[in-house]
mmCIF file of all heavy atoms, coordinates in Angstrom:
data_MODEL
# 
_entry.id   MODEL 
# 
loop_
_atom_site.group_PDB 
_atom_site.id 
_atom_site.type_symbol 
_atom_site.label_atom_id 
_atom_site.label_alt_id 
_atom_site.label_comp_id 
_atom_site.label_asym_id 
_atom_site.label_entity_id 
_atom_site.label_seq_id 
_atom_site.pdbx_PDB_ins_code 
_atom_site.Cartn_x 
_atom_site.Cartn_y 
_atom_site.Cartn_z 
_atom_site.occupancy 
_atom_site.B_iso_or_equiv 
_atom_site.pdbx_formal_charge 
_atom_site.auth_seq_id 
_atom_site.auth_comp_id 
_atom_site.auth_asym_id 
_atom_site.auth_atom_id 
_atom_site.pdbx_PDB_model_num 
ATOM 1   N N   . ALA A 1 1  ? -11.876 15.971 15.483  1.00 0.00 ? 1  ALA A N   1 
ATOM 2   C CA  . ALA A 1 1  ? -11.749 14.845 14.543  1.00 0.00 ? 1  ALA A CA  1 
ATOM 3   C C   . ALA A 1 1  ? -12.558 15.135 13.297  1.00 0.00 ? 1  ALA A C   1 
ATOM 4   O O   . ALA A 1 1  ? -13.657 15.602 13.344  1.00 0.00 ? 1  ALA A O   1 
ATOM 5   C CB  . ALA A 1 1  ? -12.270 13.540 15.239  1.00 0.00 ? 1  ALA A CB  1 
ATOM 6   N N   . ILE A 1 2  ? -11.915 14.832 12.153  1.00 0.00 ? 2  ILE A N   1 
ATOM 7   C CA  . ILE A 1 2  ? -12.581 15.022 10.853  1.00 0.00 ? 2  ILE A CA  1 
ATOM 8   C C   . ILE A 1 2  ? -12.491 13.708 10.104  1.00 0.00 ? 2  ILE A C   1 
ATOM 9   O O   . ILE A 1 2  ? -11.450 13.089 9.968   1.00 0.00 ? 2  ILE A O   1 
ATOM 10  C CB  . ILE A 1 2  ? -11.808 16.131 10.020  1.00 0.00 ? 2  ILE A CB  1 
ATOM 11  C CG1 . ILE A 1 2  ? -11.821 17.440 10.731  1.00 0.00 ? 2  ILE A CG1 1 
ATOM 12  C CG2 . ILE A 1 2  ? -12.481 16.248 8.659   1.00 0.00 ? 2  ILE A CG2 1 
ATOM 13  C CD1 . ILE A 1 2  ? -10.920 18.521 10.197  1.00 0.00 ? 2  ILE A CD1 1 
ATOM 14  N N   . LEU A 1 3  ? -13.659 13.164 9.755   1.00 0.00 ? 3  LEU A N   1 
ATOM 15  C CA  . LEU A 1 3  ? -13.710 11.802 9.209   1.00 0.00 ? 3  LEU A CA  1 
ATOM 16  C C   . LEU A 1 3  ? -14.523 11.852 7.932   1.00 0.00 ? 3  LEU A C   1 
ATOM 17  O O   . LEU A 1 3  ? -15.604 12.395 7.838   1.00 0.00 ? 3  LEU A O   1 
ATOM 18  C CB  . LEU A 1 3  ? -14.356 10.834 10.230  1.00 0.00 ? 3  LEU A CB  1 
ATOM 19  C CG  . LEU A 1 3  ? -14.439 9.398  9.776   1.00 0.00 ? 3  LEU A CG  1 
ATOM 20  C CD1 . LEU A 1 3  ? -14.334 8.469  11.059  1.00 0.00 ? 3  LEU A CD1 1 
ATOM 21  C CD2 . LEU A 1 3  ? -15.756 9.066  9.059   1.00 0.00 ? 3  LEU A CD2 1 
ATOM 22  N N   . GLN A 1 4  ? -13.939 11.231 6.862   1.00 0.00 ? 4  GLN A N   1 
ATOM 23  C CA  . GLN A 1 4  ? -14.594 11.114 5.545   1.00 0.00 ? 4  GLN A CA  1 
ATOM 24  C C   . GLN A 1 4  ? -15.136 9.732  5.331   1.00 0.00 ? 4  GLN A C   1 
ATOM 25  O O   . GLN A 1 4  ? -14.456 8.727  5.711   1.00 0.00 ? 4  GLN A O   1 
ATOM 26  C CB  . GLN A 1 4  ? -13.618 11.405 4.442   1.00 0.00 ? 4  GLN A CB  1 
ATOM 27  C CG  . GLN A 1 4  ? -13.495 12.892 4.110   1.00 0.00 ? 4  GLN A CG  1 
ATOM 28  C CD  . GLN A 1 4  ? -12.721 13.691 5.210   1.00 0.00 ? 4  GLN A CD  1 
ATOM 29  O OE1 . GLN A 1 4  ? -13.339 14.558 5.853   1.00 0.00 ? 4  GLN A OE1 1 
ATOM 30  N NE2 . GLN A 1 4  ? -11.434 13.430 5.381   1.00 0.00 ? 4  GLN A NE2 1 
ATOM 31  N N   . ILE A 1 5  ? -16.351 9.597  4.831   1.00 0.00 ? 5  ILE A N   1 
ATOM 32  C CA  . ILE A 1 5  ? -16.825 8.338  4.312   1.00 0.00 ? 5  ILE A CA  1 
ATOM 33  C C   . ILE A 1 5  ? -16.503 8.176  2.821   1.00 0.00 ? 5  ILE A C   1 
ATOM 34  O O   . ILE A 1 5  ? -16.929 9.003  2.046   1.00 0.00 ? 5  ILE A O   1 
ATOM 35  C CB  . ILE A 1 5  ? -18.405 8.269  4.588   1.00 0.00 ? 5  ILE A CB  1 
ATOM 36  C CG1 . ILE A 1 5  ? -18.720 8.514  6.027   1.00 0.00 ? 5  ILE A CG1 1 
ATOM 37  C CG2 . ILE A 1 5  ? -18.900 6.884  4.095   1.00 0.00 ? 5  ILE A CG2 1 
ATOM 38  C CD1 . ILE A 1 5  ? -18.274 7.416  6.973   1.00 0.00 ? 5  ILE A CD1 1 
ATOM 39  N N   . ASN A 1 6  ? -15.814 7.100  2.528   1.00 0.00 ? 6  ASN A N   1 
ATOM 40  C CA  . ASN A 1 6  ? -15.432 6.892  1.166   1.00 0.00 ? 6  ASN A CA  1 
ATOM 41  C C   . ASN A 1 6  ? -15.885 5.533  0.665   1.00 0.00 ? 6  ASN A C   1 
ATOM 42  O O   . ASN A 1 6  ? -16.677 4.835  1.274   1.00 0.00 ? 6  ASN A O   1 
ATOM 43  C CB  . ASN A 1 6  ? -13.871 7.051  0.980   1.00 0.00 ? 6  ASN A CB  1 
ATOM 44  C CG  . ASN A 1 6  ? -13.480 7.659  -0.345  1.00 0.00 ? 6  ASN A CG  1 
ATOM 45  O OD1 . ASN A 1 6  ? -14.190 7.489  -1.345  1.00 0.00 ? 6  ASN A OD1 1 
ATOM 46  N ND2 . ASN A 1 6  ? -12.405 8.408  -0.278  1.00 0.00 ? 6  ASN A ND2 1 
ATOM 47  N N   . THR A 1 7  ? -15.543 5.174  -0.581  1.00 0.00 ? 7  THR A N   1 
ATOM 48  C CA  . THR A 1 7  ? -15.880 3.911  -1.160  1.00 0.00 ? 7  THR A CA  1 
ATOM 49  C C   . THR A 1 7  ? -14.656 3.179  -1.762  1.00 0.00 ? 7  THR A C   1 
ATOM 50  O O   . THR A 1 7  ? -13.622 3.839  -2.072  1.00 0.00 ? 7  THR A O   1 
ATOM 51  C CB  . THR A 1 7  ? -16.930 4.098  -2.337  1.00 0.00 ? 7  THR A CB  1 
ATOM 52  O OG1 . THR A 1 7  ? -16.259 4.581  -3.474  1.00 0.00 ? 7  THR A OG1 1 
ATOM 53  C CG2 . THR A 1 7  ? -18.034 5.074  -1.863  1.00 0.00 ? 7  THR A CG2 1 
ATOM 54  N N   . PRO A 1 8  ? -14.731 1.840  -2.000  1.00 0.00 ? 8  PRO A N   1 
ATOM 55  C CA  . PRO A 1 8  ? -13.652 1.150  -2.602  1.00 0.00 ? 8  PRO A CA  1 
ATOM 56  C C   . PRO A 1 8  ? -13.202 1.678  -3.997  1.00 0.00 ? 8  PRO A C   1 
ATOM 57  O O   . PRO A 1 8  ? -12.085 1.460  -4.398  1.00 0.00 ? 8  PRO A O   1 
ATOM 58  C CB  . PRO A 1 8  ? -14.145 -0.282 -2.749  1.00 0.00 ? 8  PRO A CB  1 
ATOM 59  C CG  . PRO A 1 8  ? -15.181 -0.418 -1.614  1.00 0.00 ? 8  PRO A CG  1 
ATOM 60  C CD  . PRO A 1 8  ? -15.853 0.962  -1.618  1.00 0.00 ? 8  PRO A CD  1 
ATOM 61  N N   . ALA A 1 9  ? -14.049 2.410  -4.662  1.00 0.00 ? 9  ALA A N   1 
ATOM 62  C CA  . ALA A 1 9  ? -13.739 3.007  -5.971  1.00 0.00 ? 9  ALA A CA  1 
ATOM 63  C C   . ALA A 1 9  ? -12.586 3.975  -5.840  1.00 0.00 ? 9  ALA A C   1 
ATOM 64  O O   . ALA A 1 9  ? -11.891 4.320  -6.841  1.00 0.00 ? 9  ALA A O   1 
ATOM 65  C CB  . ALA A 1 9  ? -14.916 3.687  -6.607  1.00 0.00 ? 9  ALA A CB  1 
ATOM 66  N N   . ALA A 1 10 ? -12.345 4.499  -4.595  1.00 0.00 ? 10 ALA A N   1 
ATOM 67  C CA  . ALA A 1 10 ? -11.234 5.358  -4.383  1.00 0.00 ? 10 ALA A CA  1 
ATOM 68  C C   . ALA A 1 10 ? -9.877  4.646  -4.373  1.00 0.00 ? 10 ALA A C   1 
ATOM 69  O O   . ALA A 1 10 ? -8.818  5.212  -4.496  1.00 0.00 ? 10 ALA A O   1 
ATOM 70  C CB  . ALA A 1 10 ? -11.395 6.131  -3.060  1.00 0.00 ? 10 ALA A CB  1 
ATOM 71  N N   . THR A 1 11 ? -9.906  3.311  -4.250  1.00 0.00 ? 11 THR A N   1 
ATOM 72  C CA  . THR A 1 11 ? -8.704  2.495  -4.281  1.00 0.00 ? 11 THR A CA  1 
ATOM 73  C C   . THR A 1 11 ? -8.603  1.730  -5.562  1.00 0.00 ? 11 THR A C   1 
ATOM 74  O O   . THR A 1 11 ? -7.536  1.675  -6.275  1.00 0.00 ? 11 THR A O   1 
ATOM 75  C CB  . THR A 1 11 ? -8.717  1.450  -3.136  1.00 0.00 ? 11 THR A CB  1 
ATOM 76  O OG1 . THR A 1 11 ? -8.757  2.172  -1.874  1.00 0.00 ? 11 THR A OG1 1 
ATOM 77  C CG2 . THR A 1 11 ? -7.423  0.606  -3.106  1.00 0.00 ? 11 THR A CG2 1 
ATOM 78  N N   . ILE A 1 12 ? -9.689  1.130  -6.012  1.00 0.00 ? 12 ILE A N   1 
ATOM 79  C CA  . ILE A 1 12 ? -9.683  0.371  -7.277  1.00 0.00 ? 12 ILE A CA  1 
ATOM 80  C C   . ILE A 1 12 ? -10.944 0.779  -8.097  1.00 0.00 ? 12 ILE A C   1 
ATOM 81  O O   . ILE A 1 12 ? -12.051 0.334  -7.847  1.00 0.00 ? 12 ILE A O   1 
ATOM 82  C CB  . ILE A 1 12 ? -9.843  -1.157 -7.026  1.00 0.00 ? 12 ILE A CB  1 
ATOM 83  C CG1 . ILE A 1 12 ? -9.047  -1.610 -5.818  1.00 0.00 ? 12 ILE A CG1 1 
ATOM 84  C CG2 . ILE A 1 12 ? -9.354  -1.941 -8.268  1.00 0.00 ? 12 ILE A CG2 1 
ATOM 85  C CD1 . ILE A 1 12 ? -9.349  -2.991 -5.399  1.00 0.00 ? 12 ILE A CD1 1 
ATOM 86  N N   . PRO A 1 13 ? -10.817 1.636  -9.072  1.00 0.00 ? 13 PRO A N   1 
ATOM 87  C CA  . PRO A 1 13 ? -11.952 2.067  -9.913  1.00 0.00 ? 13 PRO A CA  1 
ATOM 88  C C   . PRO A 1 13 ? -12.449 0.859  -10.732 1.00 0.00 ? 13 PRO A C   1 
ATOM 89  O O   . PRO A 1 13 ? -11.655 -0.026 -11.062 1.00 0.00 ? 13 PRO A O   1 
ATOM 90  C CB  . PRO A 1 13 ? -11.415 3.139  -10.754 1.00 0.00 ? 13 PRO A CB  1 
ATOM 91  C CG  . PRO A 1 13 ? -9.946  2.947  -10.783 1.00 0.00 ? 13 PRO A CG  1 
ATOM 92  C CD  . PRO A 1 13 ? -9.526  2.309  -9.557  1.00 0.00 ? 13 PRO A CD  1 
ATOM 93  N N   . TRP A 1 14 ? -13.711 0.894  -11.017 1.00 0.00 ? 14 TRP A N   1 
ATOM 94  C CA  . TRP A 1 14 ? -14.245 -0.165 -11.877 1.00 0.00 ? 14 TRP A CA  1 
ATOM 95  C C   . TRP A 1 14 ? -14.843 0.485  -13.152 1.00 0.00 ? 14 TRP A C   1 
ATOM 96  O O   . TRP A 1 14 ? -15.092 1.668  -13.189 1.00 0.00 ? 14 TRP A O   1 
ATOM 97  C CB  . TRP A 1 14 ? -15.286 -0.954 -11.099 1.00 0.00 ? 14 TRP A CB  1 
ATOM 98  C CG  . TRP A 1 14 ? -16.477 -0.231 -10.587 1.00 0.00 ? 14 TRP A CG  1 
ATOM 99  C CD1 . TRP A 1 14 ? -17.547 0.336  -11.133 1.00 0.00 ? 14 TRP A CD1 1 
ATOM 100 C CD2 . TRP A 1 14 ? -16.597 0.029  -9.145  1.00 0.00 ? 14 TRP A CD2 1 
ATOM 101 N NE1 . TRP A 1 14 ? -18.340 0.940  -10.255 1.00 0.00 ? 14 TRP A NE1 1 
ATOM 102 C CE2 . TRP A 1 14 ? -17.832 0.743  -9.022  1.00 0.00 ? 14 TRP A CE2 1 
ATOM 103 C CE3 . TRP A 1 14 ? -15.887 -0.277 -8.018  1.00 0.00 ? 14 TRP A CE3 1 
ATOM 104 C CZ2 . TRP A 1 14 ? -18.328 1.179  -7.788  1.00 0.00 ? 14 TRP A CZ2 1 
ATOM 105 C CZ3 . TRP A 1 14 ? -16.362 0.158  -6.799  1.00 0.00 ? 14 TRP A CZ3 1 
ATOM 106 C CH2 . TRP A 1 14 ? -17.544 0.868  -6.690  1.00 0.00 ? 14 TRP A CH2 1 
ATOM 107 N N   . PRO A 1 15 ? -14.979 -0.234 -14.222 1.00 0.00 ? 15 PRO A N   1 
ATOM 108 C CA  . PRO A 1 15 ? -15.441 0.273  -15.496 1.00 0.00 ? 15 PRO A CA  1 
ATOM 109 C C   . PRO A 1 15 ? -16.908 0.822  -15.340 1.00 0.00 ? 15 PRO A C   1 
ATOM 110 O O   . PRO A 1 15 ? -17.725 0.210  -14.610 1.00 0.00 ? 15 PRO A O   1 
ATOM 111 C CB  . PRO A 1 15 ? -15.339 -0.870 -16.466 1.00 0.00 ? 15 PRO A CB  1 
ATOM 112 C CG  . PRO A 1 15 ? -15.375 -2.135 -15.640 1.00 0.00 ? 15 PRO A CG  1 
ATOM 113 C CD  . PRO A 1 15 ? -14.744 -1.761 -14.324 1.00 0.00 ? 15 PRO A CD  1 
ATOM 114 N N   . GLY A 1 16 ? -17.213 1.812  -16.049 1.00 0.00 ? 16 GLY A N   1 
ATOM 115 C CA  . GLY A 1 16 ? -18.589 2.301  -16.036 1.00 0.00 ? 16 GLY A CA  1 
ATOM 116 C C   . GLY A 1 16 ? -18.904 3.214  -14.887 1.00 0.00 ? 16 GLY A C   1 
ATOM 117 O O   . GLY A 1 16 ? -20.075 3.314  -14.519 1.00 0.00 ? 16 GLY A O   1 
ATOM 118 N N   . ALA A 1 17 ? -17.899 3.845  -14.283 1.00 0.00 ? 17 ALA A N   1 
ATOM 119 C CA  . ALA A 1 17 ? -18.128 4.680  -13.124 1.00 0.00 ? 17 ALA A CA  1 
ATOM 120 C C   . ALA A 1 17 ? -17.027 5.808  -13.064 1.00 0.00 ? 17 ALA A C   1 
ATOM 121 O O   . ALA A 1 17 ? -16.530 6.095  -11.996 1.00 0.00 ? 17 ALA A O   1 
ATOM 122 C CB  . ALA A 1 17 ? -18.178 3.904  -11.843 1.00 0.00 ? 17 ALA A CB  1 
ATOM 123 N N   . VAL A 1 18 ? -16.735 6.362  -14.231 1.00 0.00 ? 18 VAL A N   1 
ATOM 124 C CA  . VAL A 1 18 ? -15.504 7.211  -14.267 1.00 0.00 ? 18 VAL A CA  1 
ATOM 125 C C   . VAL A 1 18 ? -15.684 8.517  -13.408 1.00 0.00 ? 18 VAL A C   1 
ATOM 126 O O   . VAL A 1 18 ? -14.751 8.844  -12.634 1.00 0.00 ? 18 VAL A O   1 
ATOM 127 C CB  . VAL A 1 18 ? -15.155 7.515  -15.722 1.00 0.00 ? 18 VAL A CB  1 
ATOM 128 C CG1 . VAL A 1 18 ? -16.278 8.389  -16.361 1.00 0.00 ? 18 VAL A CG1 1 
ATOM 129 C CG2 . VAL A 1 18 ? -13.837 8.277  -15.805 1.00 0.00 ? 18 VAL A CG2 1 
ATOM 130 N N   . GLY A 1 19 ? -16.806 9.191  -13.461 1.00 0.00 ? 19 GLY A N   1 
ATOM 131 C CA  . GLY A 1 19 ? -16.980 10.377 -12.685 1.00 0.00 ? 19 GLY A CA  1 
ATOM 132 C C   . GLY A 1 19 ? -17.081 10.091 -11.173 1.00 0.00 ? 19 GLY A C   1 
ATOM 133 O O   . GLY A 1 19 ? -16.535 10.777 -10.354 1.00 0.00 ? 19 GLY A O   1 
ATOM 134 N N   . TYR A 1 20 ? -17.861 8.933  -10.912 1.00 0.00 ? 20 TYR A N   1 
ATOM 135 C CA  . TYR A 1 20 ? -17.940 8.543  -9.529  1.00 0.00 ? 20 TYR A CA  1 
ATOM 136 C C   . TYR A 1 20 ? -16.610 8.228  -8.860  1.00 0.00 ? 20 TYR A C   1 
ATOM 137 O O   . TYR A 1 20 ? -16.285 8.667  -7.796  1.00 0.00 ? 20 TYR A O   1 
ATOM 138 C CB  . TYR A 1 20 ? -18.929 7.317  -9.476  1.00 0.00 ? 20 TYR A CB  1 
ATOM 139 C CG  . TYR A 1 20 ? -19.145 6.779  -8.104  1.00 0.00 ? 20 TYR A CG  1 
ATOM 140 C CD1 . TYR A 1 20 ? -20.209 7.244  -7.284  1.00 0.00 ? 20 TYR A CD1 1 
ATOM 141 C CD2 . TYR A 1 20 ? -18.391 5.757  -7.614  1.00 0.00 ? 20 TYR A CD2 1 
ATOM 142 C CE1 . TYR A 1 20 ? -20.435 6.681  -6.043  1.00 0.00 ? 20 TYR A CE1 1 
ATOM 143 C CE2 . TYR A 1 20 ? -18.574 5.222  -6.357  1.00 0.00 ? 20 TYR A CE2 1 
ATOM 144 C CZ  . TYR A 1 20 ? -19.683 5.634  -5.612  1.00 0.00 ? 20 TYR A CZ  1 
ATOM 145 O OH  . TYR A 1 20 ? -19.839 5.135  -4.320  1.00 0.00 ? 20 TYR A OH  1 
ATOM 146 N N   . ALA A 1 21 ? -15.887 7.338  -9.533  1.00 0.00 ? 21 ALA A N   1 
ATOM 147 C CA  . ALA A 1 21 ? -14.593 6.934  -9.016  1.00 0.00 ? 21 ALA A CA  1 
ATOM 148 C C   . ALA A 1 21 ? -13.573 8.097  -8.930  1.00 0.00 ? 21 ALA A C   1 
ATOM 149 O O   . ALA A 1 21 ? -12.853 8.194  -7.939  1.00 0.00 ? 21 ALA A O   1 
ATOM 150 C CB  . ALA A 1 21 ? -13.964 5.815  -9.941  1.00 0.00 ? 21 ALA A CB  1 
ATOM 151 N N   . SER A 1 22 ? -13.645 9.033  -9.877  1.00 0.00 ? 22 SER A N   1 
ATOM 152 C CA  . SER A 1 22 ? -12.763 10.172 -9.824  1.00 0.00 ? 22 SER A CA  1 
ATOM 153 C C   . SER A 1 22 ? -13.020 11.026 -8.585  1.00 0.00 ? 22 SER A C   1 
ATOM 154 O O   . SER A 1 22 ? -12.041 11.499 -7.920  1.00 0.00 ? 22 SER A O   1 
ATOM 155 C CB  . SER A 1 22 ? -12.824 10.957 -11.137 1.00 0.00 ? 22 SER A CB  1 
ATOM 156 O OG  . SER A 1 22 ? -12.473 10.235 -12.224 1.00 0.00 ? 22 SER A OG  1 
ATOM 157 N N   . SER A 1 23 ? -14.299 11.206 -8.314  1.00 0.00 ? 23 SER A N   1 
ATOM 158 C CA  . SER A 1 23 ? -14.586 12.061 -7.139  1.00 0.00 ? 23 SER A CA  1 
ATOM 159 C C   . SER A 1 23 ? -14.188 11.403 -5.836  1.00 0.00 ? 23 SER A C   1 
ATOM 160 O O   . SER A 1 23 ? -13.749 12.058 -4.885  1.00 0.00 ? 23 SER A O   1 
ATOM 161 C CB  . SER A 1 23 ? -16.155 12.335 -7.118  1.00 0.00 ? 23 SER A CB  1 
ATOM 162 O OG  . SER A 1 23 ? -16.859 11.200 -6.887  1.00 0.00 ? 23 SER A OG  1 
ATOM 163 N N   . ARG A 1 24 ? -14.181 10.090 -5.850  1.00 0.00 ? 24 ARG A N   1 
ATOM 164 C CA  . ARG A 1 24 ? -13.790 9.333  -4.579  1.00 0.00 ? 24 ARG A CA  1 
ATOM 165 C C   . ARG A 1 24 ? -12.291 9.386  -4.485  1.00 0.00 ? 24 ARG A C   1 
ATOM 166 O O   . ARG A 1 24 ? -11.765 9.394  -3.362  1.00 0.00 ? 24 ARG A O   1 
ATOM 167 C CB  . ARG A 1 24 ? -14.384 7.937  -4.628  1.00 0.00 ? 24 ARG A CB  1 
ATOM 168 C CG  . ARG A 1 24 ? -15.706 7.760  -3.958  1.00 0.00 ? 24 ARG A CG  1 
ATOM 169 C CD  . ARG A 1 24 ? -16.713 8.631  -4.531  1.00 0.00 ? 24 ARG A CD  1 
ATOM 170 N NE  . ARG A 1 24 ? -17.984 8.573  -3.799  1.00 0.00 ? 24 ARG A NE  1 
ATOM 171 C CZ  . ARG A 1 24 ? -19.133 9.233  -4.164  1.00 0.00 ? 24 ARG A CZ  1 
ATOM 172 N NH1 . ARG A 1 24 ? -19.076 10.031 -5.203  1.00 0.00 ? 24 ARG A NH1 1 
ATOM 173 N NH2 . ARG A 1 24 ? -20.279 9.142  -3.445  1.00 0.00 ? 24 ARG A NH2 1 
ATOM 174 N N   . TYR A 1 25 ? -11.582 9.305  -5.632  1.00 0.00 ? 25 TYR A N   1 
ATOM 175 C CA  . TYR A 1 25 ? -10.115 9.465  -5.576  1.00 0.00 ? 25 TYR A CA  1 
ATOM 176 C C   . TYR A 1 25 ? -9.723  10.835 -5.013  1.00 0.00 ? 25 TYR A C   1 
ATOM 177 O O   . TYR A 1 25 ? -8.845  10.943 -4.221  1.00 0.00 ? 25 TYR A O   1 
ATOM 178 C CB  . TYR A 1 25 ? -9.545  9.332  -6.987  1.00 0.00 ? 25 TYR A CB  1 
ATOM 179 C CG  . TYR A 1 25 ? -8.871  7.996  -7.301  1.00 0.00 ? 25 TYR A CG  1 
ATOM 180 C CD1 . TYR A 1 25 ? -9.687  6.827  -7.559  1.00 0.00 ? 25 TYR A CD1 1 
ATOM 181 C CD2 . TYR A 1 25 ? -7.500  7.883  -7.276  1.00 0.00 ? 25 TYR A CD2 1 
ATOM 182 C CE1 . TYR A 1 25 ? -9.018  5.620  -7.853  1.00 0.00 ? 25 TYR A CE1 1 
ATOM 183 C CE2 . TYR A 1 25 ? -6.854  6.676  -7.504  1.00 0.00 ? 25 TYR A CE2 1 
ATOM 184 C CZ  . TYR A 1 25 ? -7.694  5.557  -7.805  1.00 0.00 ? 25 TYR A CZ  1 
ATOM 185 O OH  . TYR A 1 25 ? -7.054  4.369  -8.120  1.00 0.00 ? 25 TYR A OH  1 
ATOM 186 N N   . ALA A 1 26 ? -10.506 11.846 -5.452  1.00 0.00 ? 26 ALA A N   1 
ATOM 187 C CA  . ALA A 1 26 ? -10.244 13.225 -4.976  1.00 0.00 ? 26 ALA A CA  1 
ATOM 188 C C   . ALA A 1 26 ? -10.511 13.314 -3.424  1.00 0.00 ? 26 ALA A C   1 
ATOM 189 O O   . ALA A 1 26 ? -9.737  13.958 -2.707  1.00 0.00 ? 26 ALA A O   1 
ATOM 190 C CB  . ALA A 1 26 ? -11.128 14.249 -5.651  1.00 0.00 ? 26 ALA A CB  1 
ATOM 191 N N   . LEU A 1 27 ? -11.586 12.628 -2.973  1.00 0.00 ? 27 LEU A N   1 
ATOM 192 C CA  . LEU A 1 27 ? -11.848 12.628 -1.486  1.00 0.00 ? 27 LEU A CA  1 
ATOM 193 C C   . LEU A 1 27 ? -10.745 11.910 -0.737  1.00 0.00 ? 27 LEU A C   1 
ATOM 194 O O   . LEU A 1 27 ? -10.364 12.334 0.342   1.00 0.00 ? 27 LEU A O   1 
ATOM 195 C CB  . LEU A 1 27 ? -13.161 11.958 -1.300  1.00 0.00 ? 27 LEU A CB  1 
ATOM 196 C CG  . LEU A 1 27 ? -13.740 12.004 0.161   1.00 0.00 ? 27 LEU A CG  1 
ATOM 197 C CD1 . LEU A 1 27 ? -13.954 13.436 0.579   1.00 0.00 ? 27 LEU A CD1 1 
ATOM 198 C CD2 . LEU A 1 27 ? -15.028 11.153 0.262   1.00 0.00 ? 27 LEU A CD2 1 
ATOM 199 N N   . ARG A 1 28 ? -10.261 10.846 -1.302  1.00 0.00 ? 28 ARG A N   1 
ATOM 200 C CA  . ARG A 1 28 ? -9.098  10.117 -0.605  1.00 0.00 ? 28 ARG A CA  1 
ATOM 201 C C   . ARG A 1 28 ? -7.919  11.021 -0.550  1.00 0.00 ? 28 ARG A C   1 
ATOM 202 O O   . ARG A 1 28 ? -7.179  11.098 0.435   1.00 0.00 ? 28 ARG A O   1 
ATOM 203 C CB  . ARG A 1 28 ? -8.788  8.818  -1.386  1.00 0.00 ? 28 ARG A CB  1 
ATOM 204 C CG  . ARG A 1 28 ? -7.784  7.956  -0.682  1.00 0.00 ? 28 ARG A CG  1 
ATOM 205 C CD  . ARG A 1 28 ? -7.489  6.697  -1.477  1.00 0.00 ? 28 ARG A CD  1 
ATOM 206 N NE  . ARG A 1 28 ? -6.160  6.776  -2.104  1.00 0.00 ? 28 ARG A NE  1 
ATOM 207 C CZ  . ARG A 1 28 ? -5.687  5.966  -3.027  1.00 0.00 ? 28 ARG A CZ  1 
ATOM 208 N NH1 . ARG A 1 28 ? -6.463  5.057  -3.576  1.00 0.00 ? 28 ARG A NH1 1 
ATOM 209 N NH2 . ARG A 1 28 ? -4.498  6.115  -3.509  1.00 0.00 ? 28 ARG A NH2 1 
ATOM 210 N N   . GLY A 1 29 ? -7.619  11.720 -1.709  1.00 0.00 ? 29 GLY A N   1 
ATOM 211 C CA  . GLY A 1 29 ? -6.481  12.655 -1.742  1.00 0.00 ? 29 GLY A CA  1 
ATOM 212 C C   . GLY A 1 29 ? -6.687  13.755 -0.719  1.00 0.00 ? 29 GLY A C   1 
ATOM 213 O O   . GLY A 1 29 ? -5.653  14.255 -0.043  1.00 0.00 ? 29 GLY A O   1 
# 
């Protein structure tokens, strides 16, 4: 089993967190 811990920014990014949200989008992908 391989499990990732992610954040809601991977689904809905918020302003003022562009690098953070982008990395979480990549983790979701």
